[in-house]
């Protein structure tokens, strides 16, 4: 699992994670592994005002 200071679990959406930076935010979830390693499904990417739901 990816963990660092700008990464957190989205409380209202089980299995969804959020990455924040000074430039914006992104949400993702882990999908079924297709090749060796984690498979990440990017859900939303944009500025801080982009998100109304994950």
Protein backbone atom coordinates (compact mmCIF):
# COMPACT_ATOMS: atom_id res chain seq x y z
CA UNK A 1 0.00 0.00 0.00
CA UNK A 2 1.25 3.49 -0.79
CA UNK A 3 1.73 5.55 2.37
CA UNK A 4 3.23 9.00 2.84
CA UNK A 5 2.31 12.32 4.38
CA UNK A 6 0.13 13.45 1.44
CA UNK A 7 -1.76 10.15 1.13
CA UNK A 8 -4.88 9.20 3.08
CA UNK A 9 -7.89 6.91 3.01
CA UNK A 10 -11.17 8.54 1.87
CA UNK A 11 -13.51 7.94 4.83
CA UNK A 12 -16.81 8.05 2.93
CA UNK A 13 -15.60 5.68 0.18
CA UNK A 14 -14.13 2.36 1.37
CA UNK A 15 -11.13 1.22 -0.69
CA UNK A 16 -10.50 4.69 -2.16
CA UNK A 17 -7.32 6.62 -1.39
CA UNK A 18 -6.44 10.29 -1.87
CA UNK A 19 -3.14 11.98 -2.70
CA UNK A 20 -2.83 15.72 -2.10
CA UNK A 21 -0.14 18.18 -3.09
CA UNK A 22 0.13 21.94 -3.47
CA UNK A 23 -0.97 21.56 -7.11
CA UNK A 24 -4.09 19.47 -6.60
CA UNK A 25 -5.56 16.13 -5.62
CA UNK A 26 -6.04 12.66 -7.03
CA UNK A 27 -8.07 9.66 -5.88
CA UNK A 28 -7.41 6.03 -6.73
CA UNK A 29 -8.23 2.47 -5.73
CA UNK A 30 -6.36 -0.79 -6.11
CA UNK A 31 -7.61 -3.02 -8.94
CA UNK A 32 -7.04 -6.64 -9.87
CA UNK A 33 -3.34 -7.24 -10.54
CA UNK A 34 -2.72 -7.50 -14.31
CA UNK A 35 1.06 -7.74 -14.22
CA UNK A 36 3.37 -8.28 -11.27
CA UNK A 37 2.94 -5.42 -8.79
CA UNK A 38 0.06 -3.25 -7.68
CA UNK A 39 -2.61 -2.25 -10.19
CA UNK A 40 -3.88 1.28 -9.48
CA UNK A 41 -7.14 2.58 -10.93
CA UNK A 42 -7.01 6.39 -11.13
CA UNK A 43 -10.45 7.78 -10.33
CA UNK A 44 -10.15 11.57 -10.33
CA UNK A 45 -7.22 13.90 -10.95
CA UNK A 46 -7.38 17.70 -10.77
CA UNK A 47 -7.31 20.83 -8.66
CA UNK A 48 -8.57 21.07 -5.10
CA UNK A 49 -12.01 22.27 -6.31
CA UNK A 50 -12.51 19.25 -8.63
CA UNK A 51 -13.91 16.80 -6.12
CA UNK A 52 -17.50 16.51 -5.00
CA UNK A 53 -17.30 12.71 -4.66
CA UNK A 54 -14.36 10.28 -4.88
